[in-house]
PDB file of N, CA and C in Angstrom:
ATOM      1  N   UNK A   1     -24.586  -5.467 -21.913  1.00  0.00           N
ATOM      2  CA  UNK A   1     -25.923  -6.147 -21.840  1.00  0.00           C
ATOM      3  C   UNK A   1     -26.652  -6.336 -23.068  1.00  0.00           C
ATOM      4  N   UNK A   2     -27.322  -7.412 -23.473  1.00  0.00           N
ATOM      5  CA  UNK A   2     -28.226  -7.346 -24.719  1.00  0.00           C
ATOM      6  C   UNK A   2     -29.341  -6.575 -24.603  1.00  0.00           C
ATOM      7  N   UNK A   3     -29.669  -6.171 -25.821  1.00  0.00           N
ATOM      8  CA  UNK A   3     -31.080  -5.764 -25.710  1.00  0.00           C
ATOM      9  C   UNK A   3     -32.320  -6.408 -25.837  1.00  0.00           C
ATOM     10  N   UNK A   4     -33.457  -6.273 -25.708  1.00  0.00           N
ATOM     11  CA  UNK A   4     -34.492  -6.821 -25.926  1.00  0.00           C
ATOM     12  C   UNK A   4     -34.923  -7.347 -27.002  1.00  0.00           C
ATOM     13  N   UNK A   5     -34.638  -6.872 -27.956  1.00  0.00           N
ATOM     14  CA  UNK A   5     -34.684  -7.120 -29.721  1.00  0.00           C
ATOM     15  C   UNK A   5     -33.597  -8.223 -29.846  1.00  0.00           C
ATOM     16  N   UNK A   6     -32.290  -8.517 -29.252  1.00  0.00           N
ATOM     17  CA  UNK A   6     -31.368  -9.421 -29.692  1.00  0.00           C
ATOM     18  C   UNK A   6     -31.779 -10.445 -28.842  1.00  0.00           C
ATOM     19  N   UNK A   7     -32.330 -10.791 -27.884  1.00  0.00           N
ATOM     20  CA  UNK A   7     -32.720 -11.565 -26.641  1.00  0.00           C
ATOM     21  C   UNK A   7     -33.912 -12.383 -27.443  1.00  0.00           C
ATOM     22  N   UNK A   8     -34.407 -11.305 -27.980  1.00  0.00           N
ATOM     23  CA  UNK A   8     -35.787 -12.353 -28.798  1.00  0.00           C
ATOM     24  C   UNK A   8     -35.354 -13.106 -30.036  1.00  0.00           C
ATOM     25  N   UNK A   9     -34.454 -12.067 -30.673  1.00  0.00           N
ATOM     26  CA  UNK A   9     -34.109 -12.976 -31.759  1.00  0.00           C
ATOM     27  C   UNK A   9     -33.407 -14.113 -31.542  1.00  0.00           C
ATOM     28  N   UNK A  10     -32.860 -14.204 -30.154  1.00  0.00           N
ATOM     29  CA  UNK A  10     -31.941 -15.302 -29.825  1.00  0.00           C
ATOM     30  C   UNK A  10     -32.848 -16.562 -29.710  1.00  0.00           C
ATOM     31  N   UNK A  11     -34.186 -16.106 -29.646  1.00  0.00           N
ATOM     32  CA  UNK A  11     -35.010 -17.513 -28.884  1.00  0.00           C
ATOM     33  C   UNK A  11     -35.728 -17.209 -27.672  1.00  0.00           C
ATOM     34  N   UNK A  12     -35.414 -15.899 -27.014  1.00  0.00           N
ATOM     35  CA  UNK A  12     -36.256 -15.989 -25.498  1.00  0.00           C
ATOM     36  C   UNK A  12     -37.558 -14.931 -26.064  1.00  0.00           C
ATOM     37  N   UNK A  13     -38.277 -15.840 -24.975  1.00  0.00           N
ATOM     38  CA  UNK A  13     -40.019 -15.028 -24.836  1.00  0.00           C
ATOM     39  C   UNK A  13     -39.812 -14.111 -23.748  1.00  0.00           C
ATOM     40  N   UNK A  14     -39.929 -13.041 -24.257  1.00  0.00           N
ATOM     41  CA  UNK A  14     -40.028 -11.974 -23.049  1.00  0.00           C
ATOM     42  C   UNK A  14     -41.371 -10.985 -23.436  1.00  0.00           C
ATOM     43  N   UNK A  15     -41.882 -10.385 -22.350  1.00  0.00           N
ATOM     44  CA  UNK A  15     -43.101 -10.167 -22.001  1.00  0.00           C
ATOM     45  C   UNK A  15     -42.748  -8.814 -21.015  1.00  0.00           C
ATOM     46  N   UNK A  16     -42.964  -7.420 -21.578  1.00  0.00           N
ATOM     47  CA  UNK A  16     -42.990  -6.316 -20.978  1.00  0.00           C
ATOM     48  C   UNK A  16     -44.393  -5.673 -20.570  1.00  0.00           C
ATOM     49  N   UNK A  17     -44.482  -4.990 -19.580  1.00  0.00           N
ATOM     50  CA  UNK A  17     -45.453  -4.074 -19.193  1.00  0.00           C
ATOM     51  C   UNK A  17     -45.240  -2.911 -18.190  1.00  0.00           C
ATOM     52  N   UNK A  18     -45.383  -2.053 -18.528  1.00  0.00           N
ATOM     53  CA  UNK A  18     -45.581  -0.848 -17.629  1.00  0.00           C
ATOM     54  C   UNK A  18     -46.742  -0.322 -17.175  1.00  0.00           C
ATOM     55  N   UNK A  19     -46.215   0.165 -16.268  1.00  0.00           N
ATOM     56  CA  UNK A  19     -47.801   0.490 -14.956  1.00  0.00           C
ATOM     57  C   UNK A  19     -47.177   2.078 -14.888  1.00  0.00           C
ATOM     58  N   UNK A  20     -48.676   2.599 -14.779  1.00  0.00           N
ATOM     59  CA  UNK A  20     -48.410   4.145 -14.491  1.00  0.00           C
ATOM     60  C   UNK A  20     -49.461   4.480 -13.420  1.00  0.00           C
ATOM     61  N   UNK A  21     -49.457   5.456 -12.444  1.00  0.00           N
ATOM     62  CA  UNK A  21     -50.426   5.996 -11.708  1.00  0.00           C
ATOM     63  C   UNK A  21     -51.307   6.770 -12.285  1.00  0.00           C
ATOM     64  N   UNK A  22     -52.462   6.541 -11.927  1.00  0.00           N
ATOM     65  CA  UNK A  22     -53.669   7.621 -12.289  1.00  0.00           C
ATOM     66  C   UNK A  22     -53.477   8.619 -11.180  1.00  0.00           C
ATOM     67  N   UNK A  23     -53.801   9.941 -11.861  1.00  0.00           N
ATOM     68  CA  UNK A  23     -53.568  10.949 -11.292  1.00  0.00           C
ATOM     69  C   UNK A  23     -54.709  11.078 -10.375  1.00  0.00           C
ATOM     70  N   UNK A  24     -54.593  11.329  -8.847  1.00  0.00           N
ATOM     71  CA  UNK A  24     -55.823  11.507  -7.846  1.00  0.00           C
ATOM     72  C   UNK A  24     -56.370  12.483  -8.437  1.00  0.00           C
ATOM     73  N   UNK A  25     -57.706  12.365  -7.889  1.00  0.00           N
ATOM     74  CA  UNK A  25     -58.643  13.608  -8.619  1.00  0.00           C
ATOM     75  C   UNK A  25     -58.564  14.761  -7.305  1.00  0.00           C
ATOM     76  N   UNK A  26     -58.064  14.528  -6.081  1.00  0.00           N
ATOM     77  CA  UNK A  26     -57.938  15.656  -5.328  1.00  0.00           C
ATOM     78  C   UNK A  26     -56.696  15.300  -4.314  1.00  0.00           C
ATOM     79  N   UNK A  27     -55.897  16.232  -3.866  1.00  0.00           N
ATOM     80  CA  UNK A  27     -54.708  15.719  -2.941  1.00  0.00           C
ATOM     81  C   UNK A  27     -54.926  14.792  -1.561  1.00  0.00           C
ATOM     82  N   UNK A  28     -56.180  14.664  -1.370  1.00  0.00           N
ATOM     83  CA  UNK A  28     -56.117  13.474  -0.601  1.00  0.00           C
ATOM     84  C   UNK A  28     -56.476  12.052  -1.039  1.00  0.00           C
ATOM     85  N   UNK A  29     -57.082  12.117  -2.107  1.00  0.00           N
ATOM     86  CA  UNK A  29     -57.143  10.462  -3.171  1.00  0.00           C
ATOM     87  C   UNK A  29     -56.050   9.573  -2.870  1.00  0.00           C
ATOM     88  N   UNK A  30     -55.972   8.331  -2.750  1.00  0.00           N
ATOM     89  CA  UNK A  30     -55.012   7.455  -2.974  1.00  0.00           C
ATOM     90  C   UNK A  30     -54.889   6.956  -4.767  1.00  0.00           C
ATOM     91  N   UNK A  31     -53.190   6.650  -4.995  1.00  0.00           N
ATOM     92  CA  UNK A  31     -52.911   6.561  -6.343  1.00  0.00           C
ATOM     93  C   UNK A  31     -53.432   5.406  -6.810  1.00  0.00           C
ATOM     94  N   UNK A  32     -53.968   5.046  -7.872  1.00  0.00           N
ATOM     95  CA  UNK A  32     -54.084   3.577  -8.395  1.00  0.00           C
ATOM     96  C   UNK A  32     -53.277   3.506  -9.610  1.00  0.00           C
ATOM     97  N   UNK A  33     -52.690   2.625  -9.596  1.00  0.00           N
ATOM     98  CA  UNK A  33     -51.771   2.261 -10.857  1.00  0.00           C
ATOM     99  C   UNK A  33     -52.245   1.104 -11.832  1.00  0.00           C
ATOM    100  N   UNK A  34     -52.342   1.235 -13.108  1.00  0.00           N
ATOM    101  CA  UNK A  34     -52.937   0.640 -13.958  1.00  0.00           C
ATOM    102  C   UNK A  34     -51.896   0.628 -15.401  1.00  0.00           C
ATOM    103  N   UNK A  35     -52.162  -0.622 -16.165  1.00  0.00           N
ATOM    104  CA  UNK A  35     -51.409  -0.714 -17.288  1.00  0.00           C
ATOM    105  C   UNK A  35     -51.273   0.310 -17.979  1.00  0.00           C
ATOM    106  N   UNK A  36     -50.206   0.715 -19.071  1.00  0.00           N
ATOM    107  CA  UNK A  36     -50.488   1.859 -19.866  1.00  0.00           C
ATOM    108  C   UNK A  36     -51.355   1.257 -21.030  1.00  0.00           C
ATOM    109  N   UNK A  37     -51.469   0.273 -21.139  1.00  0.00           N
ATOM    110  CA  UNK A  37     -52.769  -0.382 -22.324  1.00  0.00           C
ATOM    111  C   UNK A  37     -53.790   0.466 -22.042  1.00  0.00           C
ATOM    112  N   UNK A  38     -54.220   0.030 -20.622  1.00  0.00           N
ATOM    113  CA  UNK A  38     -55.845   0.267 -20.400  1.00  0.00           C
ATOM    114  C   UNK A  38     -55.809   2.163 -20.429  1.00  0.00           C
ATOM    115  N   UNK A  39     -54.809   2.888 -20.036  1.00  0.00           N
ATOM    116  CA  UNK A  39     -54.726   4.219 -20.432  1.00  0.00           C
ATOM    117  C   UNK A  39     -55.408   4.650 -21.704  1.00  0.00           C
ATOM    118  N   UNK A  40     -54.681   3.805 -22.408  1.00  0.00           N
ATOM    119  CA  UNK A  40     -54.615   4.068 -24.104  1.00  0.00           C
ATOM    120  C   UNK A  40     -56.146   3.592 -24.343  1.00  0.00           C
ATOM    121  N   UNK A  41     -56.656   2.280 -24.241  1.00  0.00           N
ATOM    122  CA  UNK A  41     -57.688   1.982 -24.084  1.00  0.00           C
ATOM    123  C   UNK A  41     -59.075   3.094 -23.710  1.00  0.00           C
ATOM    124  N   UNK A  42     -58.813   3.225 -22.607  1.00  0.00           N
ATOM    125  CA  UNK A  42     -60.156   3.947 -21.938  1.00  0.00           C
ATOM    126  C   UNK A  42     -59.809   5.553 -22.484  1.00  0.00           C
ATOM    127  N   UNK A  43     -59.009   6.043 -23.206  1.00  0.00           N
ATOM    128  CA  UNK A  43     -58.291   7.239 -23.278  1.00  0.00           C
ATOM    129  C   UNK A  43     -58.239   8.135 -22.155  1.00  0.00           C
ATOM    130  N   UNK A  44     -57.513   7.691 -21.337  1.00  0.00           N
ATOM    131  CA  UNK A  44     -57.158   8.178 -20.026  1.00  0.00           C
ATOM    132  C   UNK A  44     -55.828   9.031 -20.061  1.00  0.00           C
ATOM    133  N   UNK A  45     -55.646   9.378 -21.165  1.00  0.00           N
ATOM    134  CA  UNK A  45     -54.100   9.908 -21.214  1.00  0.00           C
ATOM    135  C   UNK A  45     -53.847  11.086 -20.301  1.00  0.00           C
ATOM    136  N   UNK A  46     -54.691  11.917 -20.275  1.00  0.00           N
ATOM    137  CA  UNK A  46     -54.598  13.458 -19.450  1.00  0.00           C
ATOM    138  C   UNK A  46     -54.641  12.990 -17.827  1.00  0.00           C
ATOM    139  N   UNK A  47     -54.995  11.743 -17.507  1.00  0.00           N
ATOM    140  CA  UNK A  47     -55.604  11.172 -16.279  1.00  0.00           C
ATOM    141  C   UNK A  47     -54.028  10.583 -15.802  1.00  0.00           C
ATOM    142  N   UNK A  48     -53.115  10.470 -16.633  1.00  0.00           N
ATOM    143  CA  UNK A  48     -51.709   9.597 -16.426  1.00  0.00           C
ATOM    144  C   UNK A  48     -50.742  10.557 -15.772  1.00  0.00           C
ATOM    145  N   UNK A  49     -50.230   9.779 -14.625  1.00  0.00           N
ATOM    146  CA  UNK A  49     -49.447  10.888 -14.172  1.00  0.00           C
ATOM    147  C   UNK A  49     -47.837  10.419 -14.592  1.00  0.00           C
ATOM    148  N   UNK A  50     -47.255  11.540 -15.055  1.00  0.00           N
ATOM    149  CA  UNK A  50     -45.907  11.624 -15.284  1.00  0.00           C
ATOM    150  C   UNK A  50     -44.727  11.282 -14.487  1.00  0.00           C
ATOM    151  N   UNK A  51     -45.225  10.666 -13.505  1.00  0.00           N
ATOM    152  CA  UNK A  51     -44.147  10.618 -12.236  1.00  0.00           C
ATOM    153  C   UNK A  51     -44.458   9.279 -11.758  1.00  0.00           C
ATOM    154  N   UNK A  52     -43.415   8.366 -11.277  1.00  0.00           N
ATOM    155  CA  UNK A  52     -43.700   7.126 -10.799  1.00  0.00           C
ATOM    156  C   UNK A  52     -44.296   6.074 -11.590  1.00  0.00           C
ATOM    157  N   UNK A  53     -44.053   5.024 -11.263  1.00  0.00           N
ATOM    158  CA  UNK A  53     -44.667   3.677 -11.817  1.00  0.00           C
ATOM    159  C   UNK A  53     -43.926   2.321 -11.475  1.00  0.00           C
ATOM    160  N   UNK A  54     -44.316   1.539 -12.380  1.00  0.00           N
ATOM    161  CA  UNK A  54     -43.025   0.340 -12.458  1.00  0.00           C
ATOM    162  C   UNK A  54     -43.338  -0.363 -13.856  1.00  0.00           C
ATOM    163  N   UNK A  55     -42.262  -1.558 -13.960  1.00  0.00           N
ATOM    164  CA  UNK A  55     -42.114  -1.976 -15.204  1.00  0.00           C
ATOM    165  C   UNK A  55     -41.777  -3.741 -14.765  1.00  0.00           C
ATOM    166  N   UNK A  56     -42.734  -4.289 -15.656  1.00  0.00           N
ATOM    167  CA  UNK A  56     -42.461  -5.550 -15.202  1.00  0.00           C
ATOM    168  C   UNK A  56     -41.899  -6.585 -16.389  1.00  0.00           C
ATOM    169  N   UNK A  57     -40.973  -7.275 -16.145  1.00  0.00           N
ATOM    170  CA  UNK A  57     -40.475  -8.216 -17.452  1.00  0.00           C
ATOM    171  C   UNK A  57     -40.682  -9.361 -17.114  1.00  0.00           C
ATOM    172  N   UNK A  58     -40.970 -10.620 -18.107  1.00  0.00           N
ATOM    173  CA  UNK A  58     -41.152 -11.710 -17.678  1.00  0.00           C
ATOM    174  C   UNK A  58     -40.393 -12.636 -18.864  1.00  0.00           C
ATOM    175  N   UNK A  59     -39.433 -13.471 -18.198  1.00  0.00           N
ATOM    176  CA  UNK A  59     -38.395 -13.720 -19.186  1.00  0.00           C
ATOM    177  C   UNK A  59     -38.488 -15.234 -19.371  1.00  0.00           C
ATOM    178  N   UNK A  60     -38.331 -16.065 -20.535  1.00  0.00           N
ATOM    179  CA  UNK A  60     -38.523 -17.583 -20.519  1.00  0.00           C
ATOM    180  C   UNK A  60     -37.685 -17.916 -21.816  1.00  0.00           C
ATOM    181  N   UNK A  61     -37.472 -19.350 -22.042  1.00  0.00           N
ATOM    182  CA  UNK A  61     -36.657 -19.483 -22.885  1.00  0.00           C
ATOM    183  C   UNK A  61     -35.172 -19.785 -22.676  1.00  0.00           C
ATOM    184  N   UNK A  62     -34.478 -20.528 -23.885  1.00  0.00           N
ATOM    185  CA  UNK A  62     -33.086 -20.942 -23.691  1.00  0.00           C
ATOM    186  C   UNK A  62     -32.641 -22.211 -22.547  1.00  0.00           C
ATOM    187  N   UNK A  63     -31.370 -22.106 -22.462  1.00  0.00           N
ATOM    188  CA  UNK A  63     -30.870 -22.572 -21.084  1.00  0.00           C
ATOM    189  C   UNK A  63     -30.968 -22.343 -19.867  1.00  0.00           C
ATOM    190  N   UNK A  64     -30.924 -20.766 -19.969  1.00  0.00           N
ATOM    191  CA  UNK A  64     -30.823 -20.132 -18.684  1.00  0.00           C
ATOM    192  C   UNK A  64     -32.274 -19.852 -17.976  1.00  0.00           C
ATOM    193  N   UNK A  65     -33.444 -19.840 -18.704  1.00  0.00           N
ATOM    194  CA  UNK A  65     -34.862 -19.366 -18.169  1.00  0.00           C
ATOM    195  C   UNK A  65     -35.316 -20.624 -18.782  1.00  0.00           C
ATOM    196  N   UNK A  66     -35.194 -21.730 -18.038  1.00  0.00           N
ATOM    197  CA  UNK A  66     -36.433 -22.915 -18.560  1.00  0.00           C
ATOM    198  C   UNK A  66     -37.712 -22.977 -17.685  1.00  0.00           C
ATOM    199  N   UNK A  67     -37.456 -22.328 -16.340  1.00  0.00           N
ATOM    200  CA  UNK A  67     -38.506 -21.619 -15.697  1.00  0.00           C
ATOM    201  C   UNK A  67     -38.650 -20.357 -16.006  1.00  0.00           C
ATOM    202  N   UNK A  68     -39.770 -19.858 -16.384  1.00  0.00           N
ATOM    203  CA  UNK A  68     -39.984 -18.271 -16.289  1.00  0.00           C
ATOM    204  C   UNK A  68     -39.356 -17.509 -15.268  1.00  0.00           C
ATOM    205  N   UNK A  69     -38.814 -16.353 -15.417  1.00  0.00           N
ATOM    206  CA  UNK A  69     -38.457 -15.586 -14.270  1.00  0.00           C
ATOM    207  C   UNK A  69     -39.327 -14.131 -14.732  1.00  0.00           C
ATOM    208  N   UNK A  70     -39.870 -13.708 -13.293  1.00  0.00           N
ATOM    209  CA  UNK A  70     -40.584 -12.306 -13.519  1.00  0.00           C
ATOM    210  C   UNK A  70     -39.816 -11.507 -12.715  1.00  0.00           C
ATOM    211  N   UNK A  71     -39.435 -10.277 -13.212  1.00  0.00           N
ATOM    212  CA  UNK A  71     -38.532  -9.396 -12.492  1.00  0.00           C
ATOM    213  C   UNK A  71     -39.246  -7.914 -12.783  1.00  0.00           C
ATOM    214  N   UNK A  72     -39.135  -6.769 -11.365  1.00  0.00           N
ATOM    215  CA  UNK A  72     -39.692  -5.679 -11.452  1.00  0.00           C
ATOM    216  C   UNK A  72     -39.023  -4.505 -11.060  1.00  0.00           C
ATOM    217  N   UNK A  73     -39.040  -3.492 -11.471  1.00  0.00           N
ATOM    218  CA  UNK A  73     -38.371  -2.276 -11.317  1.00  0.00           C
ATOM    219  C   UNK A  73     -39.274  -1.026 -11.065  1.00  0.00           C
ATOM    220  N   UNK A  74     -39.256  -0.770  -9.611  1.00  0.00           N
ATOM    221  CA  UNK A  74     -40.297   0.040  -9.847  1.00  0.00           C
ATOM    222  C   UNK A  74     -39.605   1.855  -9.997  1.00  0.00           C
ATOM    223  N   UNK A  75     -40.457   2.855  -9.883  1.00  0.00           N
ATOM    224  CA  UNK A  75     -39.850   4.557 -10.427  1.00  0.00           C
ATOM    225  C   UNK A  75     -40.542   4.844  -9.301  1.00  0.00           C
ATOM    226  N   UNK A  76     -39.913   5.768  -8.368  1.00  0.00           N
ATOM    227  CA  UNK A  76     -40.260   6.578  -7.062  1.00  0.00           C
ATOM    228  C   UNK A  76     -41.638   7.587  -7.835  1.00  0.00           C
ATOM    229  N   UNK A  77     -42.316   7.887  -7.093  1.00  0.00           N
ATOM    230  CA  UNK A  77     -43.385   9.160  -7.028  1.00  0.00           C
ATOM    231  C   UNK A  77     -42.379  10.651  -7.125  1.00  0.00           C
ATOM    232  N   UNK A  78     -41.408  10.783  -6.940  1.00  0.00           N
ATOM    233  CA  UNK A  78     -40.675  11.989  -7.049  1.00  0.00           C
ATOM    234  C   UNK A  78     -39.678  11.741  -8.460  1.00  0.00           C
ATOM    235  N   UNK A  79     -39.678  10.737  -9.228  1.00  0.00           N
ATOM    236  CA  UNK A  79     -38.840  10.951 -10.439  1.00  0.00           C
ATOM    237  C   UNK A  79     -40.036  10.861 -11.854  1.00  0.00           C
ATOM    238  N   UNK A  80     -39.339  11.121 -12.693  1.00  0.00           N
ATOM    239  CA  UNK A  80     -40.212  11.050 -13.823  1.00  0.00           C
ATOM    240  C   UNK A  80     -40.131   9.660 -14.671  1.00  0.00           C
ATOM    241  N   UNK A  81     -41.112   8.768 -14.829  1.00  0.00           N
ATOM    242  CA  UNK A  81     -40.894   7.341 -15.832  1.00  0.00           C
ATOM    243  C   UNK A  81     -40.590   7.347 -16.970  1.00  0.00           C
ATOM    244  N   UNK A  82     -39.658   6.267 -16.842  1.00  0.00           N
ATOM    245  CA  UNK A  82     -38.704   6.334 -17.835  1.00  0.00           C
ATOM    246  C   UNK A  82     -38.811   4.692 -18.241  1.00  0.00           C
ATOM    247  N   UNK A  83     -39.550   4.014 -19.511  1.00  0.00           N
ATOM    248  CA  UNK A  83     -39.752   2.811 -19.795  1.00  0.00           C
ATOM    249  C   UNK A  83     -38.245   2.309 -20.169  1.00  0.00           C
ATOM    250  N   UNK A  84     -37.247   2.786 -20.904  1.00  0.00           N
ATOM    251  CA  UNK A  84     -36.448   2.134 -21.223  1.00  0.00           C
ATOM    252  C   UNK A  84     -35.575   1.849 -20.301  1.00  0.00           C
ATOM    253  N   UNK A  85     -35.254   2.909 -18.844  1.00  0.00           N
ATOM    254  CA  UNK A  85     -34.614   2.668 -18.161  1.00  0.00           C
ATOM    255  C   UNK A  85     -35.020   1.498 -17.310  1.00  0.00           C
ATOM    256  N   UNK A  86     -36.667   1.314 -17.034  1.00  0.00           N
ATOM    257  CA  UNK A  86     -37.190   0.480 -16.374  1.00  0.00           C
ATOM    258  C   UNK A  86     -36.625  -0.866 -16.890  1.00  0.00           C
ATOM    259  N   UNK A  87     -36.969  -1.197 -18.693  1.00  0.00           N
ATOM    260  CA  UNK A  87     -36.486  -2.451 -19.018  1.00  0.00           C
ATOM    261  C   UNK A  87     -34.929  -2.633 -18.657  1.00  0.00           C
ATOM    262  N   UNK A  88     -33.893  -1.561 -18.805  1.00  0.00           N
ATOM    263  CA  UNK A  88     -32.432  -2.086 -18.234  1.00  0.00           C
ATOM    264  C   UNK A  88     -32.554  -2.514 -17.264  1.00  0.00           C
ATOM    265  N   UNK A  89     -32.976  -2.080 -16.276  1.00  0.00           N
ATOM    266  CA  UNK A  89     -33.110  -2.419 -14.722  1.00  0.00           C
ATOM    267  C   UNK A  89     -33.649  -4.117 -14.389  1.00  0.00           C
ATOM    268  N   UNK A  90     -34.604  -4.121 -15.374  1.00  0.00           N
ATOM    269  CA  UNK A  90     -35.399  -5.305 -15.265  1.00  0.00           C
ATOM    270  C   UNK A  90     -34.246  -6.882 -15.693  1.00  0.00           C
ATOM    271  N   UNK A  91     -33.861  -6.199 -17.290  1.00  0.00           N
ATOM    272  CA  UNK A  91     -32.525  -7.170 -17.439  1.00  0.00           C
ATOM    273  C   UNK A  91     -31.792  -7.226 -16.965  1.00  0.00           C
ATOM    274  N   UNK A  92     -31.328  -6.786 -16.465  1.00  0.00           N
ATOM    275  CA  UNK A  92     -29.986  -6.540 -15.296  1.00  0.00           C
ATOM    276  C   UNK A  92     -30.280  -7.187 -14.301  1.00  0.00           C
ATOM    277  N   UNK A  93     -31.717  -7.323 -13.809  1.00  0.00           N
ATOM    278  CA  UNK A  93     -32.062  -8.154 -12.239  1.00  0.00           C
ATOM    279  C   UNK A  93     -32.132  -9.789 -12.928  1.00  0.00           C
ATOM    280  N   UNK A  94     -32.575  -9.819 -14.294  1.00  0.00           N
ATOM    281  CA  UNK A  94     -33.160 -11.016 -14.430  1.00  0.00           C
ATOM    282  C   UNK A  94     -31.739 -12.157 -14.516  1.00  0.00           C
ATOM    283  N   UNK A  95     -31.115 -11.406 -15.712  1.00  0.00           N
ATOM    284  CA  UNK A  95     -29.528 -11.788 -15.667  1.00  0.00           C
ATOM    285  C   UNK A  95     -28.574 -11.944 -14.613  1.00  0.00           C
ATOM    286  N   UNK A  96     -28.939 -11.257 -13.350  1.00  0.00           N
ATOM    287  CA  UNK A  96     -28.008 -11.398 -12.381  1.00  0.00           C
ATOM    288  C   UNK A  96     -28.741 -12.553 -11.549  1.00  0.00           C
ATOM    289  N   UNK A  97     -29.943 -12.618 -11.541  1.00  0.00           N
ATOM    290  CA  UNK A  97     -30.669 -13.585 -10.917  1.00  0.00           C
ATOM    291  C   UNK A  97     -30.363 -15.124 -11.466  1.00  0.00           C
ATOM    292  N   UNK A  98     -30.220 -15.051 -12.658  1.00  0.00           N
ATOM    293  CA  UNK A  98     -29.801 -16.505 -13.030  1.00  0.00           C
ATOM    294  C   UNK A  98     -28.528 -16.832 -12.977  1.00  0.00           C
ATOM    295  N   UNK A  99     -27.309 -15.758 -12.946  1.00  0.00           N
ATOM    296  CA  UNK A  99     -25.991 -16.037 -12.442  1.00  0.00           C
ATOM    297  C   UNK A  99     -25.955 -16.204 -11.219  1.00  0.00           C
ATOM    298  N   UNK A 100     -26.978 -15.857 -10.192  1.00  0.00           N
ATOM    299  CA  UNK A 100     -26.902 -16.023  -8.787  1.00  0.00           C
ATOM    300  C   UNK A 100     -27.365 -17.841  -8.828  1.00  0.00           C
ATOM    301  N   UNK A 101     -28.300 -18.127  -9.259  1.00  0.00           N
ATOM    302  CA  UNK A 101     -28.301 -19.552  -9.705  1.00  0.00           C
ATOM    303  C   UNK A 101     -27.458 -20.305 -10.031  1.00  0.00           C
ATOM    304  N   UNK A 102     -26.803 -20.051 -11.012  1.00  0.00           N
ATOM    305  CA  UNK A 102     -25.837 -21.418 -10.974  1.00  0.00           C
ATOM    306  C   UNK A 102     -24.545 -20.967 -10.280  1.00  0.00           C
ATOM    307  N   UNK A 103     -24.086 -20.042  -9.638  1.00  0.00           N
ATOM    308  CA  UNK A 103     -23.256 -20.242  -8.690  1.00  0.00           C
ATOM    309  C   UNK A 103     -23.588 -21.116  -7.342  1.00  0.00           C
ATOM    310  N   UNK A 104     -24.941 -20.726  -7.252  1.00  0.00           N
ATOM    311  CA  UNK A 104     -25.629 -21.634  -6.187  1.00  0.00           C
ATOM    312  C   UNK A 104     -25.306 -22.961  -6.472  1.00  0.00           C
ATOM    313  N   UNK A 105     -25.661 -23.415  -7.908  1.00  0.00           N
ATOM    314  CA  UNK A 105     -25.293 -25.218  -7.819  1.00  0.00           C
ATOM    315  C   UNK A 105     -24.152 -25.687  -8.367  1.00  0.00           C
ATOM    316  N   UNK A 106     -23.208 -24.432  -8.476  1.00  0.00           N
ATOM    317  CA  UNK A 106     -22.171 -24.863  -8.831  1.00  0.00           C
ATOM    318  C   UNK A 106     -21.396 -25.103  -7.338  1.00  0.00           C
ATOM    319  N   UNK A 107     -21.685 -24.220  -5.984  1.00  0.00           N
ATOM    320  CA  UNK A 107     -21.262 -24.813  -4.886  1.00  0.00           C
ATOM    321  C   UNK A 107     -22.181 -25.948  -4.531  1.00  0.00           C
ATOM    322  N   UNK A 108     -22.889 -26.128  -4.304  1.00  0.00           N
ATOM    323  CA  UNK A 108     -23.993 -27.615  -4.073  1.00  0.00           C
ATOM    324  C   UNK A 108     -23.213 -28.837  -4.895  1.00  0.00           C
ATOM    325  N   UNK A 109     -22.846 -28.442  -5.931  1.00  0.00           N
ATOM    326  CA  UNK A 109     -21.846 -29.623  -6.641  1.00  0.00           C
ATOM    327  C   UNK A 109     -20.433 -29.459  -6.184  1.00  0.00           C
ATOM    328  N   UNK A 110     -19.737 -28.625  -5.743  1.00  0.00           N
ATOM    329  CA  UNK A 110     -18.574 -28.630  -5.294  1.00  0.00           C
ATOM    330  C   UNK A 110     -18.654 -29.229  -3.821  1.00  0.00           C
ATOM    331  N   UNK A 111     -19.437 -28.723  -3.288  1.00  0.00           N
ATOM    332  CA  UNK A 111     -19.171 -29.429  -1.787  1.00  0.00           C
ATOM    333  C   UNK A 111     -20.144 -30.948  -1.845  1.00  0.00           C
ATOM    334  N   UNK A 112     -20.724 -31.404  -2.986  1.00  0.00           N
ATOM    335  CA  UNK A 112     -21.196 -33.040  -2.783  1.00  0.00           C
ATOM    336  C   UNK A 112     -19.971 -33.742  -3.025  1.00  0.00           C
ATOM    337  N   UNK A 113     -18.992 -32.825  -3.861  1.00  0.00           N
ATOM    338  CA  UNK A 113     -17.568 -33.547  -4.346  1.00  0.00           C
ATOM    339  C   UNK A 113     -16.683 -33.837  -3.375  1.00  0.00           C
ATOM    340  N   UNK A 114     -16.980 -32.542  -2.281  1.00  0.00           N
ATOM    341  CA  UNK A 114     -15.809 -32.835  -1.079  1.00  0.00           C
ATOM    342  C   UNK A 114     -15.688 -34.026  -0.195  1.00  0.00           C
ATOM    343  N   UNK A 115     -14.725 -34.459  -0.025  1.00  0.00           N
ATOM    344  CA  UNK A 115     -14.953 -35.570   0.921  1.00  0.00           C
ATOM    345  C   UNK A 115     -15.124 -35.008   2.432  1.00  0.00           C
ATOM    346  N   UNK A 116     -16.141 -35.973   2.833  1.00  0.00           N
ATOM    347  CA  UNK A 116     -16.450 -35.430   4.387  1.00  0.00           C
ATOM    348  C   UNK A 116     -15.488 -35.411   5.281  1.00  0.00           C
ATOM    349  N   UNK A 117     -15.886 -34.971   6.437  1.00  0.00           N
ATOM    350  CA  UNK A 117     -14.429 -35.088   7.193  1.00  0.00           C
ATOM    351  C   UNK A 117     -13.971 -36.242   7.564  1.00  0.00           C
ATOM    352  N   UNK A 118     -12.737 -36.247   8.456  1.00  0.00           N
ATOM    353  CA  UNK A 118     -12.128 -37.671   8.643  1.00  0.00           C
ATOM    354  C   UNK A 118     -12.831 -38.546   9.526  1.00  0.00           C
ATOM    355  N   UNK A 119     -12.753 -40.014   9.551  1.00  0.00           N
ATOM    356  CA  UNK A 119     -13.430 -40.530  10.179  1.00  0.00           C
ATOM    357  C   UNK A 119     -12.400 -41.695  11.120  1.00  0.00           C
ATOM    358  N   UNK A 120     -12.480 -41.669  12.256  1.00  0.00           N
ATOM    359  CA  UNK A 120     -11.314 -42.334  13.280  1.00  0.00           C
ATOM    360  C   UNK A 120     -11.597 -43.886  12.872  1.00  0.00           C
TER     361      UNK A 120
END
């Protein structure tokens, strides 16, 4: 699989955003998810949970992605958050989505080219 750097060099436009959970002030509070940039901007680093989160990836450009595709990879709150793994999952899903679209187009073309049932 290609890396983000290789894809950008090949002309794809890629936007990655990581979201992390804000640690709840007490055991019964709800979790809030914020982009990592907000944690850094507001200096909330100590309040960022090391577990769980999500990574979003938007990819466009090239013949494969004439329409931008956005994919998401979630990380369970039982697991440590891993940015690299989130990006890998997003890329796998984006290119898998693109391959499924190609297969659907081929099936549509093949069915259009097949002769319809025999007429009496």
